[in-house]
Amino acid sequence: MAEMLEASCMLKSATDRSLLIIDELGRGTSTTEGYGIAWGIAKYLVENIGCFTLFATHFHEMTKMENNIQGVKNYFVTAISLKGKLTMLYKIKRGSAKKSYGIFVADMLKFPKEIIENAK
């Protein structure tokens, strides 16, 4: 509810001169609805408000928006995994992340093997 109230306020008050920073919109509901809400809001912001928006999301499907909606650009934060360790490089690159590190991090943190195998 709190996340939707914030999104509602943002949509009602943003102008083409606003800067919006959105982090993980849609995380408080099902994956399908969360993705749908995130996509809908991002599309609305681009097509109806036209403000600059930094939209951080775990919905990798959102990267398809760049191919469908003019003005959308994808960027990702770089990381490398070597010998069982993850190193965040703190560099931003154009494009979309080629992989997710959730299972890698769970394994690195010694989650039970059964959980890792079920996740895979």
C-alpha atoms as a PDB file:
ATOM      1  CA  MET A   1       0.000   0.000   0.000  1.00  0.00           C
ATOM      2  CA  ALA A   2       2.759   2.466   0.905  1.00  0.00           C
ATOM      3  CA  GLU A   3       4.525   1.849  -2.399  1.00  0.00           C
ATOM      4  CA  MET A   4       1.310   2.436  -4.368  1.00  0.00           C
ATOM      5  CA  LEU A   5       0.602   5.641  -2.423  1.00  0.00           C
ATOM      6  CA  GLU A   6       4.076   6.913  -3.305  1.00  0.00           C
ATOM      7  CA  ALA A   7       3.611   5.966  -6.965  1.00  0.00           C
ATOM      8  CA  SER A   8       0.223   7.659  -7.055  1.00  0.00           C
ATOM      9  CA  CYS A   9       1.646  10.864  -5.576  1.00  0.00           C
ATOM     10  CA  MET A  10       4.516  10.765  -8.057  1.00  0.00           C
ATOM     11  CA  LEU A  11       2.171  10.354 -11.026  1.00  0.00           C
ATOM     12  CA  LYS A  12      -0.103  13.168  -9.860  1.00  0.00           C
ATOM     13  CA  SER A  13       2.631  15.688  -9.082  1.00  0.00           C
ATOM     14  CA  ALA A  14       5.425  15.046 -11.619  1.00  0.00           C
ATOM     15  CA  THR A  15       5.963  17.459 -14.488  1.00  0.00           C
ATOM     16  CA  ASP A  16       8.262  17.421 -17.485  1.00  0.00           C
ATOM     17  CA  ARG A  17      10.776  19.269 -15.272  1.00  0.00           C
ATOM     18  CA  SER A  18      10.781  16.598 -12.537  1.00  0.00           C
ATOM     19  CA  LEU A  19      13.523  14.117 -11.756  1.00  0.00           C
ATOM     20  CA  LEU A  20      12.116  10.806 -10.542  1.00  0.00           C
ATOM     21  CA  ILE A  21      14.169   8.069  -8.927  1.00  0.00           C
ATOM     22  CA  ILE A  22      12.254   4.808  -8.680  1.00  0.00           C
ATOM     23  CA  ASP A  23      13.740   1.781  -6.959  1.00  0.00           C
ATOM     24  CA  GLU A  24      12.201  -1.683  -7.319  1.00  0.00           C
ATOM     25  CA  LEU A  25       8.640  -0.573  -8.062  1.00  0.00           C
ATOM     26  CA  GLY A  26       6.231  -3.501  -7.902  1.00  0.00           C
ATOM     27  CA  ARG A  27       8.179  -5.593  -5.408  1.00  0.00           C
ATOM     28  CA  GLY A  28       5.266  -5.734  -2.957  1.00  0.00           C
ATOM     29  CA  THR A  29       2.973  -7.852  -5.135  1.00  0.00           C
ATOM     30  CA  SER A  30       3.110 -10.884  -7.414  1.00  0.00           C
ATOM     31  CA  THR A  31       5.812 -11.002 -10.068  1.00  0.00           C
ATOM     32  CA  THR A  32       3.268 -10.677 -12.872  1.00  0.00           C
ATOM     33  CA  GLU A  33       1.392  -7.753 -11.339  1.00  0.00           C
ATOM     34  CA  GLY A  34       4.596  -6.085 -10.154  1.00  0.00           C
ATOM     35  CA  TYR A  35       6.073  -6.241 -13.647  1.00  0.00           C
ATOM     36  CA  GLY A  36       2.816  -4.990 -15.169  1.00  0.00           C
ATOM     37  CA  ILE A  37       2.609  -2.050 -12.773  1.00  0.00           C
ATOM     38  CA  ALA A  38       6.279  -1.171 -13.291  1.00  0.00           C
ATOM     39  CA  TRP A  39       5.918  -1.308 -17.082  1.00  0.00           C
ATOM     40  CA  GLY A  40       2.693   0.687 -17.040  1.00  0.00           C
ATOM     41  CA  ILE A  41       4.112   3.422 -14.844  1.00  0.00           C
ATOM     42  CA  ALA A  42       7.375   3.663 -16.790  1.00  0.00           C
ATOM     43  CA  LYS A  43       5.491   3.865 -20.092  1.00  0.00           C
ATOM     44  CA  TYR A  44       3.129   6.500 -18.706  1.00  0.00           C
ATOM     45  CA  LEU A  45       6.044   8.604 -17.470  1.00  0.00           C
ATOM     46  CA  VAL A  46       7.729   8.521 -20.878  1.00  0.00           C
ATOM     47  CA  GLU A  47       4.625   9.085 -22.988  1.00  0.00           C
ATOM     48  CA  ASN A  48       2.559  11.419 -20.798  1.00  0.00           C
ATOM     49  CA  ILE A  49       4.863  13.299 -18.451  1.00  0.00           C
ATOM     50  CA  GLY A  50       8.226  13.258 -20.218  1.00  0.00           C
ATOM     51  CA  CYS A  51      10.371  13.766 -17.127  1.00  0.00           C
ATOM     52  CA  PHE A  52      13.827  12.298 -16.615  1.00  0.00           C
ATOM     53  CA  THR A  53      13.460   9.083 -14.613  1.00  0.00           C
ATOM     54  CA  LEU A  54      16.017   6.725 -13.142  1.00  0.00           C
ATOM     55  CA  PHE A  55      14.176   3.420 -12.797  1.00  0.00           C
ATOM     56  CA  ALA A  56      16.028   0.623 -10.975  1.00  0.00           C
ATOM     57  CA  THR A  57      14.335  -2.755 -11.263  1.00  0.00           C
ATOM     58  CA  HIS A  58      14.900  -6.484 -10.935  1.00  0.00           C
ATOM     59  CA  PHE A  59      12.394  -7.140 -13.723  1.00  0.00           C
ATOM     60  CA  HIS A  60      14.795  -7.955 -16.551  1.00  0.00           C
ATOM     61  CA  GLU A  61      11.845  -7.909 -18.956  1.00  0.00           C
ATOM     62  CA  MET A  62      11.707  -4.132 -18.503  1.00  0.00           C
ATOM     63  CA  THR A  63      14.808  -3.814 -20.685  1.00  0.00           C
ATOM     64  CA  LYS A  64      12.598  -4.590 -23.718  1.00  0.00           C
ATOM     65  CA  MET A  65      11.045  -1.162 -23.257  1.00  0.00           C
ATOM     66  CA  GLU A  66      14.092   0.407 -24.909  1.00  0.00           C
ATOM     67  CA  ASN A  67      13.150  -1.331 -28.172  1.00  0.00           C
ATOM     68  CA  ASN A  68       9.475  -0.359 -27.949  1.00  0.00           C
ATOM     69  CA  ILE A  69       9.367   3.176 -26.590  1.00  0.00           C
ATOM     70  CA  GLN A  70      11.415   6.092 -27.898  1.00  0.00           C
ATOM     71  CA  GLY A  71      13.462   7.871 -25.252  1.00  0.00           C
ATOM     72  CA  VAL A  72      14.078   4.837 -23.026  1.00  0.00           C
ATOM     73  CA  LYS A  73      17.714   3.849 -22.459  1.00  0.00           C
ATOM     74  CA  ASN A  74      19.055   0.896 -20.479  1.00  0.00           C
ATOM     75  CA  TYR A  75      22.067   1.005 -18.179  1.00  0.00           C
ATOM     76  CA  PHE A  76      23.398  -1.496 -15.669  1.00  0.00           C
ATOM     77  CA  VAL A  77      25.912  -1.633 -12.853  1.00  0.00           C
ATOM     78  CA  THR A  78      28.866  -3.874 -13.637  1.00  0.00           C
ATOM     79  CA  ALA A  79      30.088  -6.808 -11.586  1.00  0.00           C
ATOM     80  CA  ILE A  80      32.366  -9.779 -12.137  1.00  0.00           C
ATOM     81  CA  SER A  81      32.347 -13.219 -10.599  1.00  0.00           C
ATOM     82  CA  LEU A  82      35.627 -15.079 -10.295  1.00  0.00           C
ATOM     83  CA  LYS A  83      36.545 -18.118  -8.246  1.00  0.00           C
ATOM     84  CA  GLY A  84      33.392 -18.057  -6.152  1.00  0.00           C
ATOM     85  CA  LYS A  85      33.524 -14.335  -5.347  1.00  0.00           C
ATOM     86  CA  LEU A  86      31.439 -11.466  -6.620  1.00  0.00           C
ATOM     87  CA  THR A  87      33.068  -8.086  -7.112  1.00  0.00           C
ATOM     88  CA  MET A  88      30.917  -5.014  -7.672  1.00  0.00           C
ATOM     89  CA  LEU A  89      32.790  -2.684 -10.026  1.00  0.00           C
ATOM     90  CA  TYR A  90      30.597   0.378  -9.385  1.00  0.00           C
ATOM     91  CA  LYS A  91      30.711   1.294 -13.048  1.00  0.00           C
ATOM     92  CA  ILE A  92      27.622   2.009 -15.085  1.00  0.00           C
ATOM     93  CA  LYS A  93      27.483   0.691 -18.639  1.00  0.00           C
ATOM     94  CA  ARG A  94      25.049   1.194 -21.476  1.00  0.00           C
ATOM     95  CA  GLY A  95      22.805  -1.790 -22.193  1.00  0.00           C
ATOM     96  CA  SER A  96      21.280  -4.407 -19.943  1.00  0.00           C
ATOM     97  CA  ALA A  97      22.768  -6.913 -17.532  1.00  0.00           C
ATOM     98  CA  LYS A  98      23.494 -10.240 -19.184  1.00  0.00           C
ATOM     99  CA  LYS A  99      23.029 -12.254 -16.005  1.00  0.00           C
ATOM    100  CA  SER A 100      21.637 -12.143 -12.513  1.00  0.00           C
ATOM    101  CA  TYR A 101      23.717 -12.989  -9.466  1.00  0.00           C
ATOM    102  CA  GLY A 102      21.019 -14.042  -6.983  1.00  0.00           C
ATOM    103  CA  ILE A 103      21.806 -17.765  -6.964  1.00  0.00           C
ATOM    104  CA  PHE A 104      25.531 -17.058  -7.163  1.00  0.00           C
ATOM    105  CA  VAL A 105      25.329 -14.864  -4.042  1.00  0.00           C
ATOM    106  CA  ALA A 106      23.190 -17.427  -2.205  1.00  0.00           C
ATOM    107  CA  ASP A 107      25.813 -20.086  -2.973  1.00  0.00           C
ATOM    108  CA  MET A 108      28.644 -17.735  -2.001  1.00  0.00           C
ATOM    109  CA  LEU A 109      26.886 -17.157   1.356  1.00  0.00           C
ATOM    110  CA  LYS A 110      26.721 -20.925   1.915  1.00  0.00           C
ATOM    111  CA  PHE A 111      22.978 -21.438   1.630  1.00  0.00           C
ATOM    112  CA  PRO A 112      22.161 -25.153   1.980  1.00  0.00           C
ATOM    113  CA  LYS A 113      22.920 -26.990  -1.292  1.00  0.00           C
ATOM    114  CA  GLU A 114      19.311 -28.182  -1.472  1.00  0.00           C
ATOM    115  CA  ILE A 115      18.136 -24.567  -1.722  1.00  0.00           C
ATOM    116  CA  ILE A 116      20.683 -23.753  -4.414  1.00  0.00           C
ATOM    117  CA  GLU A 117      19.707 -26.800  -6.474  1.00  0.00           C
ATOM    118  CA  ASN A 118      15.973 -26.060  -6.110  1.00  0.00           C
ATOM    119  CA  ALA A 119      16.580 -22.447  -7.140  1.00  0.00           C
ATOM    120  CA  LYS A 120      18.463 -23.553 -10.250  1.00  0.00           C
END
